[in-house]
Amino acid sequence: DKAMPSRAELLMAWGYAAFFPHRRGYGESEGVSLPDAIPAPLGTSAHDEQLTRRMTEECRDVLAALAYVRSRPEIDSE
């Protein structure tokens, strides 16, 4: 499995929280797939703009998920 659940289990056994973000449109996550989000031909300015927009959205998703994890009372971020 690409998410490597055994790695998460090992970290949790050692008392660490495991955070493996699975972004929108990848695998079984809801959302538009990467190829569908960037239909413009490679090498065009439209492609670059679409790619930049998508990567920005994905980064925001991961940062929001990380903020949620850090907000959990059972997580000691120190």
PDB file of N, CA and C in Angstrom:
ATOM      1  N   ASP A   1       0.843  -1.187   0.000  1.00  0.00           N
ATOM      2  CA  ASP A   1       0.000   0.000   0.000  1.00  0.00           C
ATOM      3  C   ASP A   1       0.885   1.246   0.000  1.00  0.00           C
ATOM      4  N   LYS A   2       0.550   2.222  -0.817  1.00  0.00           N
ATOM      5  CA  LYS A   2       1.362   3.423  -0.936  1.00  0.00           C
ATOM      6  C   LYS A   2       1.372   4.263   0.342  1.00  0.00           C
ATOM      7  N   ALA A   3       0.311   4.186   1.136  1.00  0.00           N
ATOM      8  CA  ALA A   3       0.247   4.982   2.363  1.00  0.00           C
ATOM      9  C   ALA A   3       1.110   4.410   3.479  1.00  0.00           C
ATOM     10  N   MET A   4       1.595   3.181   3.315  1.00  0.00           N
ATOM     11  CA  MET A   4       2.474   2.517   4.273  1.00  0.00           C
ATOM     12  C   MET A   4       1.886   2.477   5.687  1.00  0.00           C
ATOM     13  N   PRO A   5       0.738   1.823   5.853  1.00  0.00           N
ATOM     14  CA  PRO A   5       0.125   1.783   7.194  1.00  0.00           C
ATOM     15  C   PRO A   5       1.022   1.137   8.237  1.00  0.00           C
ATOM     16  N   SER A   6       1.910   0.232   7.831  1.00  0.00           N
ATOM     17  CA  SER A   6       2.799  -0.391   8.819  1.00  0.00           C
ATOM     18  C   SER A   6       3.762   0.630   9.409  1.00  0.00           C
ATOM     19  N   ARG A   7       4.164   1.610   8.611  1.00  0.00           N
ATOM     20  CA  ARG A   7       5.028   2.672   9.123  1.00  0.00           C
ATOM     21  C   ARG A   7       4.279   3.509  10.161  1.00  0.00           C
ATOM     22  N   ALA A   8       3.024   3.824   9.890  1.00  0.00           N
ATOM     23  CA  ALA A   8       2.213   4.578  10.845  1.00  0.00           C
ATOM     24  C   ALA A   8       2.041   3.786  12.138  1.00  0.00           C
ATOM     25  N   GLU A   9       1.790   2.490  12.010  1.00  0.00           N
ATOM     26  CA  GLU A   9       1.646   1.642  13.199  1.00  0.00           C
ATOM     27  C   GLU A   9       2.906   1.656  14.048  1.00  0.00           C
ATOM     28  N   LEU A  10       4.056   1.576  13.408  1.00  0.00           N
ATOM     29  CA  LEU A  10       5.326   1.591  14.128  1.00  0.00           C
ATOM     30  C   LEU A  10       5.510   2.918  14.865  1.00  0.00           C
ATOM     31  N   LEU A  11       5.280   4.018  14.176  1.00  0.00           N
ATOM     32  CA  LEU A  11       5.425   5.333  14.819  1.00  0.00           C
ATOM     33  C   LEU A  11       4.459   5.480  15.994  1.00  0.00           C
ATOM     34  N   MET A  12       3.229   5.035  15.804  1.00  0.00           N
ATOM     35  CA  MET A  12       2.247   5.127  16.886  1.00  0.00           C
ATOM     36  C   MET A  12       2.631   4.247  18.069  1.00  0.00           C
ATOM     37  N   ALA A  13       3.217   3.095  17.805  1.00  0.00           N
ATOM     38  CA  ALA A  13       3.673   2.218  18.886  1.00  0.00           C
ATOM     39  C   ALA A  13       4.756   2.894  19.720  1.00  0.00           C
ATOM     40  N   TRP A  14       5.516   3.782  19.092  1.00  0.00           N
ATOM     41  CA  TRP A  14       6.557   4.528  19.793  1.00  0.00           C
ATOM     42  C   TRP A  14       6.017   5.804  20.438  1.00  0.00           C
ATOM     43  N   GLY A  15       4.712   6.059  20.282  1.00  0.00           N
ATOM     44  CA  GLY A  15       4.101   7.230  20.899  1.00  0.00           C
ATOM     45  C   GLY A  15       4.039   8.453  20.004  1.00  0.00           C
ATOM     46  N   TYR A  16       4.327   8.280  18.727  1.00  0.00           N
ATOM     47  CA  TYR A  16       4.280   9.396  17.781  1.00  0.00           C
ATOM     48  C   TYR A  16       2.978   9.373  17.005  1.00  0.00           C
ATOM     49  N   ALA A  17       2.461  10.527  16.706  1.00  0.00           N
ATOM     50  CA  ALA A  17       1.319  10.631  15.802  1.00  0.00           C
ATOM     51  C   ALA A  17       1.851  10.525  14.375  1.00  0.00           C
ATOM     52  N   ALA A  18       1.097   9.885  13.526  1.00  0.00           N
ATOM     53  CA  ALA A  18       1.495   9.749  12.118  1.00  0.00           C
ATOM     54  C   ALA A  18       0.543  10.569  11.256  1.00  0.00           C
ATOM     55  N   PHE A  19       1.099  11.389  10.387  1.00  0.00           N
ATOM     56  CA  PHE A  19       0.301  12.243   9.503  1.00  0.00           C
ATOM     57  C   PHE A  19       0.788  12.040   8.078  1.00  0.00           C
ATOM     58  N   PHE A  20      -0.010  11.365   7.289  1.00  0.00           N
ATOM     59  CA  PHE A  20       0.307  11.131   5.888  1.00  0.00           C
ATOM     60  C   PHE A  20      -0.815  11.728   5.051  1.00  0.00           C
ATOM     61  N   PRO A  21      -0.652  12.943   4.561  1.00  0.00           N
ATOM     62  CA  PRO A  21      -1.748  13.572   3.818  1.00  0.00           C
ATOM     63  C   PRO A  21      -2.028  12.860   2.495  1.00  0.00           C
ATOM     64  N   HIS A  22      -3.290  12.698   2.209  1.00  0.00           N
ATOM     65  CA  HIS A  22      -3.736  12.113   0.943  1.00  0.00           C
ATOM     66  C   HIS A  22      -4.573  13.205   0.284  1.00  0.00           C
ATOM     67  N   ARG A  23      -3.972  13.890  -0.650  1.00  0.00           N
ATOM     68  CA  ARG A  23      -4.570  15.100  -1.212  1.00  0.00           C
ATOM     69  C   ARG A  23      -5.759  14.817  -2.127  1.00  0.00           C
ATOM     70  N   ARG A  24      -6.523  15.866  -2.369  1.00  0.00           N
ATOM     71  CA  ARG A  24      -7.721  15.761  -3.210  1.00  0.00           C
ATOM     72  C   ARG A  24      -7.391  15.222  -4.592  1.00  0.00           C
ATOM     73  N   GLY A  25      -8.266  14.331  -5.064  1.00  0.00           N
ATOM     74  CA  GLY A  25      -8.122  13.811  -6.419  1.00  0.00           C
ATOM     75  C   GLY A  25      -7.088  12.719  -6.605  1.00  0.00           C
ATOM     76  N   TYR A  26      -6.424  12.300  -5.545  1.00  0.00           N
ATOM     77  CA  TYR A  26      -5.432  11.230  -5.627  1.00  0.00           C
ATOM     78  C   TYR A  26      -6.016   9.977  -4.992  1.00  0.00           C
ATOM     79  N   GLY A  27      -5.709   8.827  -5.572  1.00  0.00           N
ATOM     80  CA  GLY A  27      -6.204   7.576  -5.005  1.00  0.00           C
ATOM     81  C   GLY A  27      -7.711   7.593  -4.899  1.00  0.00           C
ATOM     82  N   GLU A  28      -8.205   7.321  -3.708  1.00  0.00           N
ATOM     83  CA  GLU A  28      -9.649   7.296  -3.496  1.00  0.00           C
ATOM     84  C   GLU A  28     -10.173   8.587  -2.876  1.00  0.00           C
ATOM     85  N   SER A  29      -9.344   9.610  -2.786  1.00  0.00           N
ATOM     86  CA  SER A  29      -9.797  10.888  -2.239  1.00  0.00           C
ATOM     87  C   SER A  29     -10.725  11.580  -3.228  1.00  0.00           C
ATOM     88  N   GLU A  30     -11.718  12.259  -2.689  1.00  0.00           N
ATOM     89  CA  GLU A  30     -12.636  13.017  -3.534  1.00  0.00           C
ATOM     90  C   GLU A  30     -11.899  14.172  -4.183  1.00  0.00           C
ATOM     91  N   GLY A  31     -12.448  14.638  -5.279  1.00  0.00           N
ATOM     92  CA  GLY A  31     -11.880  15.802  -5.937  1.00  0.00           C
ATOM     93  C   GLY A  31     -11.439  15.496  -7.354  1.00  0.00           C
ATOM     94  N   VAL A  32     -11.114  16.541  -8.060  1.00  0.00           N
ATOM     95  CA  VAL A  32     -10.698  16.447  -9.453  1.00  0.00           C
ATOM     96  C   VAL A  32      -9.279  15.894  -9.520  1.00  0.00           C
ATOM     97  N   SER A  33      -9.066  14.953 -10.412  1.00  0.00           N
ATOM     98  CA  SER A  33      -7.731  14.379 -10.564  1.00  0.00           C
ATOM     99  C   SER A  33      -6.776  15.422 -11.137  1.00  0.00           C
ATOM    100  N   LEU A  34      -5.490  15.191 -10.953  1.00  0.00           N
ATOM    101  CA  LEU A  34      -4.474  16.127 -11.442  1.00  0.00           C
ATOM    102  C   LEU A  34      -4.570  16.335 -12.951  1.00  0.00           C
ATOM    103  N   PRO A  35      -4.658  15.276 -13.765  1.00  0.00           N
ATOM    104  CA  PRO A  35      -4.756  15.503 -15.219  1.00  0.00           C
ATOM    105  C   PRO A  35      -6.008  16.282 -15.621  1.00  0.00           C
ATOM    106  N   ASP A  36      -7.123  16.041 -14.899  1.00  0.00           N
ATOM    107  CA  ASP A  36      -8.353  16.767 -15.224  1.00  0.00           C
ATOM    108  C   ASP A  36      -8.280  18.227 -14.785  1.00  0.00           C
ATOM    109  N   ALA A  37      -7.490  18.509 -13.755  1.00  0.00           N
ATOM    110  CA  ALA A  37      -7.352  19.882 -13.253  1.00  0.00           C
ATOM    111  C   ALA A  37      -6.419  20.709 -14.121  1.00  0.00           C
ATOM    112  N   ILE A  38      -5.600  20.036 -14.931  1.00  0.00           N
ATOM    113  CA  ILE A  38      -4.608  20.741 -15.753  1.00  0.00           C
ATOM    114  C   ILE A  38      -4.738  20.265 -17.199  1.00  0.00           C
ATOM    115  N   PRO A  39      -5.813  20.694 -17.879  1.00  0.00           N
ATOM    116  CA  PRO A  39      -6.024  20.216 -19.245  1.00  0.00           C
ATOM    117  C   PRO A  39      -5.191  20.941 -20.309  1.00  0.00           C
ATOM    118  N   ALA A  40      -4.630  22.087 -19.974  1.00  0.00           N
ATOM    119  CA  ALA A  40      -3.867  22.860 -20.967  1.00  0.00           C
ATOM    120  C   ALA A  40      -2.611  22.096 -21.384  1.00  0.00           C
ATOM    121  N   PRO A  41      -2.187  22.269 -22.617  1.00  0.00           N
ATOM    122  CA  PRO A  41      -0.992  21.570 -23.101  1.00  0.00           C
ATOM    123  C   PRO A  41       0.276  21.971 -22.341  1.00  0.00           C
ATOM    124  N   LEU A  42       1.100  20.983 -22.073  1.00  0.00           N
ATOM    125  CA  LEU A  42       2.383  21.212 -21.409  1.00  0.00           C
ATOM    126  C   LEU A  42       3.203  22.234 -22.198  1.00  0.00           C
ATOM    127  N   GLY A  43       3.844  23.143 -21.499  1.00  0.00           N
ATOM    128  CA  GLY A  43       4.679  24.153 -22.146  1.00  0.00           C
ATOM    129  C   GLY A  43       3.961  25.449 -22.441  1.00  0.00           C
ATOM    130  N   THR A  44       2.659  25.496 -22.150  1.00  0.00           N
ATOM    131  CA  THR A  44       1.914  26.732 -22.386  1.00  0.00           C
ATOM    132  C   THR A  44       1.772  27.509 -21.084  1.00  0.00           C
ATOM    133  N   SER A  45       1.521  28.800 -21.201  1.00  0.00           N
ATOM    134  CA  SER A  45       1.329  29.603 -19.990  1.00  0.00           C
ATOM    135  C   SER A  45       0.061  29.173 -19.258  1.00  0.00           C
ATOM    136  N   ALA A  46      -0.953  28.717 -20.001  1.00  0.00           N
ATOM    137  CA  ALA A  46      -2.175  28.232 -19.358  1.00  0.00           C
ATOM    138  C   ALA A  46      -1.878  27.002 -18.494  1.00  0.00           C
ATOM    139  N   HIS A  47      -1.025  26.113 -18.992  1.00  0.00           N
ATOM    140  CA  HIS A  47      -0.629  24.929 -18.219  1.00  0.00           C
ATOM    141  C   HIS A  47       0.065  25.357 -16.936  1.00  0.00           C
ATOM    142  N   ASP A  48       0.991  26.297 -17.055  1.00  0.00           N
ATOM    143  CA  ASP A  48       1.723  26.769 -15.879  1.00  0.00           C
ATOM    144  C   ASP A  48       0.774  27.387 -14.852  1.00  0.00           C
ATOM    145  N   GLU A  49      -0.186  28.159 -15.315  1.00  0.00           N
ATOM    146  CA  GLU A  49      -1.159  28.786 -14.410  1.00  0.00           C
ATOM    147  C   GLU A  49      -2.034  27.731 -13.731  1.00  0.00           C
ATOM    148  N   GLN A  50      -2.496  26.752 -14.503  1.00  0.00           N
ATOM    149  CA  GLN A  50      -3.329  25.684 -13.937  1.00  0.00           C
ATOM    150  C   GLN A  50      -2.540  24.841 -12.934  1.00  0.00           C
ATOM    151  N   LEU A  51      -1.305  24.535 -13.261  1.00  0.00           N
ATOM    152  CA  LEU A  51      -0.461  23.756 -12.352  1.00  0.00           C
ATOM    153  C   LEU A  51      -0.196  24.531 -11.063  1.00  0.00           C
ATOM    154  N   THR A  52       0.114  25.805 -11.197  1.00  0.00           N
ATOM    155  CA  THR A  52       0.370  26.635 -10.014  1.00  0.00           C
ATOM    156  C   THR A  52      -0.864  26.701  -9.127  1.00  0.00           C
ATOM    157  N   ARG A  53      -2.034  26.884  -9.745  1.00  0.00           N
ATOM    158  CA  ARG A  53      -3.280  26.943  -8.970  1.00  0.00           C
ATOM    159  C   ARG A  53      -3.511  25.621  -8.236  1.00  0.00           C
ATOM    160  N   ARG A  54      -3.313  24.511  -8.931  1.00  0.00           N
ATOM    161  CA  ARG A  54      -3.546  23.204  -8.315  1.00  0.00           C
ATOM    162  C   ARG A  54      -2.570  22.945  -7.166  1.00  0.00           C
ATOM    163  N   MET A  55      -1.295  23.226  -7.376  1.00  0.00           N
ATOM    164  CA  MET A  55      -0.300  22.999  -6.326  1.00  0.00           C
ATOM    165  C   MET A  55      -0.574  23.890  -5.112  1.00  0.00           C
ATOM    166  N   THR A  56      -1.030  25.108  -5.354  1.00  0.00           N
ATOM    167  CA  THR A  56      -1.382  26.012  -4.253  1.00  0.00           C
ATOM    168  C   THR A  56      -2.554  25.441  -3.459  1.00  0.00           C
ATOM    169  N   GLU A  57      -3.565  24.944  -4.160  1.00  0.00           N
ATOM    170  CA  GLU A  57      -4.714  24.330  -3.480  1.00  0.00           C
ATOM    171  C   GLU A  57      -4.287  23.117  -2.660  1.00  0.00           C
ATOM    172  N   GLU A  58      -3.430  22.285  -3.235  1.00  0.00           N
ATOM    173  CA  GLU A  58      -2.974  21.099  -2.515  1.00  0.00           C
ATOM    174  C   GLU A  58      -2.164  21.475  -1.275  1.00  0.00           C
ATOM    175  N   CYS A  59      -1.323  22.477  -1.398  1.00  0.00           N
ATOM    176  CA  CYS A  59      -0.537  22.934  -0.239  1.00  0.00           C
ATOM    177  C   CYS A  59      -1.458  23.452   0.852  1.00  0.00           C
ATOM    178  N   ARG A  60      -2.470  24.201   0.467  1.00  0.00           N
ATOM    179  CA  ARG A  60      -3.431  24.711   1.458  1.00  0.00           C
ATOM    180  C   ARG A  60      -4.174  23.570   2.138  1.00  0.00           C
ATOM    181  N   ASP A  61      -4.533  22.539   1.374  1.00  0.00           N
ATOM    182  CA  ASP A  61      -5.198  21.374   1.964  1.00  0.00           C
ATOM    183  C   ASP A  61      -4.317  20.715   3.019  1.00  0.00           C
ATOM    184  N   VAL A  62      -3.051  20.505   2.690  1.00  0.00           N
ATOM    185  CA  VAL A  62      -2.132  19.847   3.619  1.00  0.00           C
ATOM    186  C   VAL A  62      -1.902  20.714   4.848  1.00  0.00           C
ATOM    187  N   LEU A  63      -1.744  22.026   4.657  1.00  0.00           N
ATOM    188  CA  LEU A  63      -1.556  22.918   5.805  1.00  0.00           C
ATOM    189  C   LEU A  63      -2.791  22.945   6.699  1.00  0.00           C
ATOM    190  N   ALA A  64      -3.983  22.908   6.099  1.00  0.00           N
ATOM    191  CA  ALA A  64      -5.214  22.874   6.893  1.00  0.00           C
ATOM    192  C   ALA A  64      -5.314  21.568   7.675  1.00  0.00           C
ATOM    193  N   ALA A  65      -4.946  20.458   7.037  1.00  0.00           N
ATOM    194  CA  ALA A  65      -4.975  19.167   7.729  1.00  0.00           C
ATOM    195  C   ALA A  65      -3.966  19.138   8.873  1.00  0.00           C
ATOM    196  N   LEU A  66      -2.801  19.692   8.641  1.00  0.00           N
ATOM    197  CA  LEU A  66      -1.784  19.737   9.690  1.00  0.00           C
ATOM    198  C   LEU A  66      -2.248  20.613  10.856  1.00  0.00           C
ATOM    199  N   ALA A  67      -2.881  21.736  10.557  1.00  0.00           N
ATOM    200  CA  ALA A  67      -3.416  22.601  11.618  1.00  0.00           C
ATOM    201  C   ALA A  67      -4.456  21.845  12.446  1.00  0.00           C
ATOM    202  N   TYR A  68      -5.282  21.060  11.774  1.00  0.00           N
ATOM    203  CA  TYR A  68      -6.273  20.258  12.492  1.00  0.00           C
ATOM    204  C   TYR A  68      -5.586  19.254  13.407  1.00  0.00           C
ATOM    205  N   VAL A  69      -4.601  18.539  12.886  1.00  0.00           N
ATOM    206  CA  VAL A  69      -3.891  17.555  13.701  1.00  0.00           C
ATOM    207  C   VAL A  69      -3.266  18.225  14.912  1.00  0.00           C
ATOM    208  N   ARG A  70      -2.631  19.357  14.694  1.00  0.00           N
ATOM    209  CA  ARG A  70      -1.987  20.066  15.811  1.00  0.00           C
ATOM    210  C   ARG A  70      -2.991  20.568  16.838  1.00  0.00           C
ATOM    211  N   SER A  71      -4.236  20.806  16.416  1.00  0.00           N
ATOM    212  CA  SER A  71      -5.262  21.321  17.337  1.00  0.00           C
ATOM    213  C   SER A  71      -5.837  20.242  18.234  1.00  0.00           C
ATOM    214  N   ARG A  72      -5.597  18.998  17.907  1.00  0.00           N
ATOM    215  CA  ARG A  72      -6.147  17.895  18.687  1.00  0.00           C
ATOM    216  C   ARG A  72      -5.508  17.854  20.071  1.00  0.00           C
ATOM    217  N   PRO A  73      -6.316  17.728  21.118  1.00  0.00           N
ATOM    218  CA  PRO A  73      -5.763  17.760  22.480  1.00  0.00           C
ATOM    219  C   PRO A  73      -4.813  16.603  22.781  1.00  0.00           C
ATOM    220  N   GLU A  74      -4.963  15.488  22.081  1.00  0.00           N
ATOM    221  CA  GLU A  74      -4.093  14.347  22.362  1.00  0.00           C
ATOM    222  C   GLU A  74      -2.751  14.435  21.651  1.00  0.00           C
ATOM    223  N   ILE A  75      -2.556  15.479  20.851  1.00  0.00           N
ATOM    224  CA  ILE A  75      -1.306  15.655  20.116  1.00  0.00           C
ATOM    225  C   ILE A  75      -0.434  16.680  20.833  1.00  0.00           C
ATOM    226  N   ASP A  76       0.756  16.282  21.196  1.00  0.00           N
ATOM    227  CA  ASP A  76       1.751  17.186  21.783  1.00  0.00           C
ATOM    228  C   ASP A  76       2.737  17.541  20.684  1.00  0.00           C
ATOM    229  N   SER A  77       2.611  18.711  20.120  1.00  0.00           N
ATOM    230  CA  SER A  77       3.461  19.093  18.993  1.00  0.00           C
ATOM    231  C   SER A  77       4.892  19.412  19.401  1.00  0.00           C
ATOM    232  N   GLU A  78       5.145  19.439  20.674  1.00  0.00           N
ATOM    233  CA  GLU A  78       6.513  19.676  21.148  1.00  0.00           C
ATOM    234  C   GLU A  78       7.282  18.377  21.096  1.00  0.00           C
TER     235      GLU A  78
END
